[in-house]
Amino acid sequence: MNLANVANKAVADASKALNVSLTESELEKVAEIIAKAMENAVHEASNQHSAVCVDCLAHDQDLAHKMQKKIELKKIALIANLSSFR
């Protein structure tokens, strides 16, 4: 999944739905807003997933921490992907 494409498509869809023509600068600003919203959603989802690991694996804290670490690494990669097109 290329997140730059996701954000740019969201901008194009919003522009079309609102029946407005945006300048290149405006398109970039809106794409940045969408990217930031996606980044915030990634952080929130990751935090929730980590909490579920701890809750469900209370009997095996080692496994819970391993899962949390893998979730964190995936989150970092996704955030880097998001940040790369700003």
Protein backbone atom coordinates (compact mmCIF):
# COMPACT_ATOMS: atom_id res chain seq x y z
CA MET A 1 0.00 0.00 0.00
CA ASN A 2 1.52 3.30 -1.07
CA LEU A 3 0.16 5.84 1.36
CA ALA A 4 1.07 8.78 -0.86
CA ASN A 5 -1.31 7.37 -3.46
CA VAL A 6 -3.99 6.87 -0.82
CA ALA A 7 -3.72 10.49 0.36
CA ASN A 8 -3.60 11.89 -3.18
CA LYS A 9 -6.64 9.83 -4.21
CA ALA A 10 -8.50 11.07 -1.12
CA VAL A 11 -7.71 14.66 -2.12
CA ALA A 12 -8.88 14.05 -5.68
CA ASP A 13 -12.07 12.36 -4.46
CA ALA A 14 -12.82 15.19 -2.02
CA SER A 15 -12.16 17.81 -4.68
CA LYS A 16 -14.47 16.00 -7.09
CA ALA A 17 -17.18 15.49 -4.46
CA LEU A 18 -17.08 19.18 -3.55
CA ASN A 19 -16.98 20.14 -7.21
CA VAL A 20 -14.00 22.44 -6.69
CA SER A 21 -10.74 22.88 -8.52
CA LEU A 22 -7.75 23.18 -6.19
CA THR A 23 -4.37 24.66 -7.01
CA GLU A 24 -1.27 22.47 -6.75
CA SER A 25 -0.41 24.19 -3.47
CA GLU A 26 -3.87 23.56 -2.07
CA LEU A 27 -3.74 19.92 -3.17
CA GLU A 28 -0.43 19.48 -1.33
CA LYS A 29 -1.80 21.12 1.83
CA VAL A 30 -4.89 18.91 1.84
CA ALA A 31 -2.74 15.82 1.21
CA GLU A 32 -0.61 16.78 4.23
CA ILE A 33 -3.74 17.11 6.38
CA ILE A 34 -4.90 13.67 5.25
CA ALA A 35 -1.44 12.20 5.87
CA LYS A 36 -1.42 13.61 9.40
CA ALA A 37 -4.88 12.17 10.04
CA MET A 38 -3.70 8.76 8.80
CA GLU A 39 -0.61 9.02 11.01
CA ASN A 40 -2.76 9.80 14.05
CA ALA A 41 -5.02 6.84 13.22
CA VAL A 42 -1.98 4.56 12.95
CA HIS A 43 -0.76 5.66 16.38
CA GLU A 44 -4.17 5.14 17.95
CA ALA A 45 -4.68 1.72 16.37
CA SER A 46 -1.18 0.62 17.33
CA ASN A 47 -1.72 1.67 20.93
CA GLN A 48 -4.99 -0.25 21.02
CA HIS A 49 -3.36 -3.36 19.53
CA SER A 50 -0.55 -3.23 22.08
CA ALA A 51 -3.07 -2.96 24.90
CA VAL A 52 -4.92 -6.00 23.56
CA CYS A 53 -1.66 -7.98 23.54
CA VAL A 54 -1.09 -7.19 27.20
CA ASP A 55 -4.70 -7.96 28.14
CA CYS A 56 -4.99 -11.21 26.24
CA LEU A 57 -1.52 -12.50 27.03
CA ALA A 58 -1.33 -11.61 30.71
CA HIS A 59 -0.33 -15.23 31.37
CA ASP A 60 2.65 -14.96 28.95
CA GLN A 61 4.24 -11.53 29.30
CA ASP A 62 7.23 -12.55 27.17
CA LEU A 63 4.97 -13.32 24.22
CA ALA A 64 2.97 -10.13 24.84
CA HIS A 65 6.15 -8.04 24.73
CA LYS A 66 7.33 -9.78 21.56
CA MET A 67 4.00 -9.01 19.89
CA GLN A 68 4.11 -5.41 21.10
CA LYS A 69 7.62 -5.03 19.63
CA LYS A 70 6.48 -6.39 16.26
CA ILE A 71 3.49 -4.04 16.26
CA GLU A 72 5.78 -1.12 17.09
CA LEU A 73 8.16 -2.01 14.23
CA LYS A 74 5.27 -2.19 11.76
CA LYS A 75 3.99 1.15 13.05
CA ILE A 76 7.41 2.76 12.60
CA ALA A 77 7.59 1.48 9.02
CA LEU A 78 4.11 2.80 8.24
CA ILE A 79 4.85 6.20 9.80
CA ALA A 80 8.07 6.40 7.79
CA ASN A 81 6.04 5.66 4.66
CA LEU A 82 3.58 8.40 5.57
CA SER A 83 6.31 10.89 6.37
CA SER A 84 8.22 10.22 3.15
CA PHE A 85 5.72 12.00 0.95
CA ARG A 86 5.37 15.17 2.97
